[in-house]
Amino acid sequence: MTPEAQRIAIAEACGWTNVAPRIVKNVKHEGDDITVGIWSDNGWIPDYLNDLNAMHDAEQVLTPKYQPAKGESQWGEYLGWLGFCGENKTREVYECVTATASQRAEAFLRTIGKWKELK
């Protein structure tokens, strides 16, 4: 997934509505359109891929424990994906604790079934 697609998918999973890139005319670059950020009805969405605080907020939508109405906890799967993110591909606790915001974003999207491989 592109970084932009990841941010949009996470924002939508967190309840943000009408999420889309905000494009403006860049006068300094001969009027070429440039993307300046991702906007929603709620305002600018967080930079989930570079902000651990934003990913902490996103993690709160994962089901914390078994709930009959929602099924199994998503946290076990999320921690499993965190252990496989990055170059080491190990399930070490260290990998989960020190995961970057970008790695957490990928694990989050895989956990909720929204991750799409680039072709």
Protein backbone atom coordinates (compact mmCIF):
# COMPACT_ATOMS: atom_id res chain seq x y z
CA MET A 1 0.00 0.00 0.00
CA THR A 2 1.12 3.50 -0.61
CA PRO A 3 1.65 5.67 2.46
CA GLU A 4 -1.33 7.80 1.43
CA ALA A 5 -3.59 4.74 1.10
CA GLN A 6 -2.42 3.49 4.51
CA ARG A 7 -3.23 6.81 6.19
CA ILE A 8 -6.67 6.92 4.57
CA ALA A 9 -7.49 3.32 5.57
CA ILE A 10 -6.42 3.90 9.18
CA ALA A 11 -8.37 7.15 9.40
CA GLU A 12 -11.51 5.46 8.09
CA ALA A 13 -11.06 2.58 10.56
CA CYS A 14 -10.87 5.19 13.32
CA GLY A 15 -14.17 6.73 12.28
CA TRP A 16 -13.01 9.68 10.18
CA THR A 17 -15.47 10.42 7.36
CA ASN A 18 -15.06 11.63 3.77
CA VAL A 19 -11.31 11.14 3.89
CA ALA A 20 -9.43 12.29 0.78
CA PRO A 21 -6.12 13.89 -0.21
CA ARG A 22 -6.22 17.69 -0.28
CA ILE A 23 -4.75 18.99 -3.52
CA VAL A 24 -3.88 22.61 -4.19
CA LYS A 25 -2.35 24.56 -7.05
CA ASN A 26 1.30 25.27 -6.41
CA VAL A 27 2.05 28.65 -7.94
CA LYS A 28 5.80 28.36 -7.29
CA HIS A 29 6.01 25.21 -9.42
CA GLU A 30 4.25 26.52 -12.53
CA GLY A 31 0.79 25.70 -11.25
CA ASP A 32 1.32 21.95 -10.86
CA ASP A 33 -1.12 20.31 -8.49
CA ILE A 34 0.48 19.02 -5.31
CA THR A 35 -0.95 16.99 -2.48
CA VAL A 36 -0.56 18.87 0.78
CA GLY A 37 -2.21 16.42 3.15
CA ILE A 38 -5.23 14.26 3.77
CA TRP A 39 -8.43 15.95 4.85
CA SER A 40 -11.74 14.71 6.22
CA ASP A 41 -14.96 16.10 7.64
CA ASN A 42 -13.13 16.19 10.99
CA GLY A 43 -10.13 18.16 9.67
CA TRP A 44 -6.59 17.07 8.79
CA ILE A 45 -5.95 13.43 9.58
CA PRO A 46 -2.91 12.46 11.66
CA ASP A 47 0.33 11.27 10.10
CA TYR A 48 -0.10 7.71 11.37
CA LEU A 49 3.03 6.43 9.63
CA ASN A 50 5.35 8.85 11.41
CA ASP A 51 3.59 9.61 14.69
CA LEU A 52 3.57 7.04 17.51
CA ASN A 53 0.96 9.06 19.40
CA ALA A 54 -1.38 8.90 16.41
CA MET A 55 -0.86 5.13 16.15
CA HIS A 56 -1.52 4.80 19.88
CA ASP A 57 -4.87 6.48 19.28
CA ALA A 58 -5.59 4.22 16.30
CA GLU A 59 -4.78 1.10 18.36
CA GLN A 60 -7.66 1.98 20.68
CA VAL A 61 -10.18 0.80 18.06
CA LEU A 62 -8.86 -2.78 18.30
CA THR A 63 -10.98 -5.05 20.46
CA PRO A 64 -9.09 -5.48 23.76
CA LYS A 65 -10.44 -8.82 24.93
CA TYR A 66 -12.90 -11.46 23.89
CA GLN A 67 -16.32 -9.90 23.42
CA PRO A 68 -19.14 -12.20 22.29
CA ALA A 69 -20.63 -9.51 20.04
CA LYS A 70 -17.31 -8.70 18.36
CA GLY A 71 -15.53 -12.05 18.51
CA GLU A 72 -11.93 -12.71 19.50
CA SER A 73 -9.58 -9.98 20.61
CA GLN A 74 -7.69 -8.31 17.80
CA TRP A 75 -4.72 -7.60 20.06
CA GLY A 76 -3.25 -11.08 19.80
CA GLU A 77 -3.25 -10.89 16.02
CA TYR A 78 -1.94 -7.32 16.10
CA LEU A 79 1.00 -8.29 18.32
CA GLY A 80 1.69 -11.22 16.02
CA TRP A 81 1.87 -8.91 13.01
CA LEU A 82 4.11 -6.50 14.92
CA GLY A 83 6.55 -9.33 15.47
CA PHE A 84 6.74 -9.88 11.72
CA CYS A 85 7.07 -6.26 10.61
CA GLY A 86 10.45 -4.96 9.60
CA GLU A 87 13.55 -6.77 8.45
CA ASN A 88 14.03 -9.29 11.27
CA LYS A 89 10.72 -11.14 10.81
CA THR A 90 10.92 -12.47 14.35
CA ARG A 91 8.35 -12.78 17.09
CA GLU A 92 10.57 -11.24 19.74
CA VAL A 93 8.92 -9.02 22.34
CA TYR A 94 11.62 -6.47 21.55
CA GLU A 95 10.29 -6.18 17.99
CA CYS A 96 6.78 -5.40 19.26
CA VAL A 97 7.87 -2.87 21.85
CA THR A 98 10.25 -0.99 19.56
CA ALA A 99 8.07 -1.06 16.42
CA THR A 100 8.04 2.20 14.52
CA ALA A 101 4.83 4.06 13.72
CA SER A 102 5.06 2.79 10.15
CA GLN A 103 5.44 -0.82 11.30
CA ARG A 104 2.52 -0.40 13.69
CA ALA A 105 0.42 1.04 10.85
CA GLU A 106 1.09 -2.00 8.67
CA ALA A 107 0.34 -4.41 11.52
CA PHE A 108 -2.85 -2.49 12.34
CA LEU A 109 -4.07 -2.65 8.74
CA ARG A 110 -3.24 -6.36 8.46
CA THR A 111 -5.12 -7.01 11.71
CA ILE A 112 -8.30 -5.31 10.52
CA GLY A 113 -8.02 -6.89 7.06
CA LYS A 114 -7.39 -3.67 5.13
CA TRP A 115 -3.77 -4.24 4.04
CA LYS A 116 -3.28 -4.52 0.27
CA GLU A 117 0.01 -5.55 -1.31
CA LEU A 118 1.39 -3.29 -4.04
CA LYS A 119 1.44 -4.89 -7.47
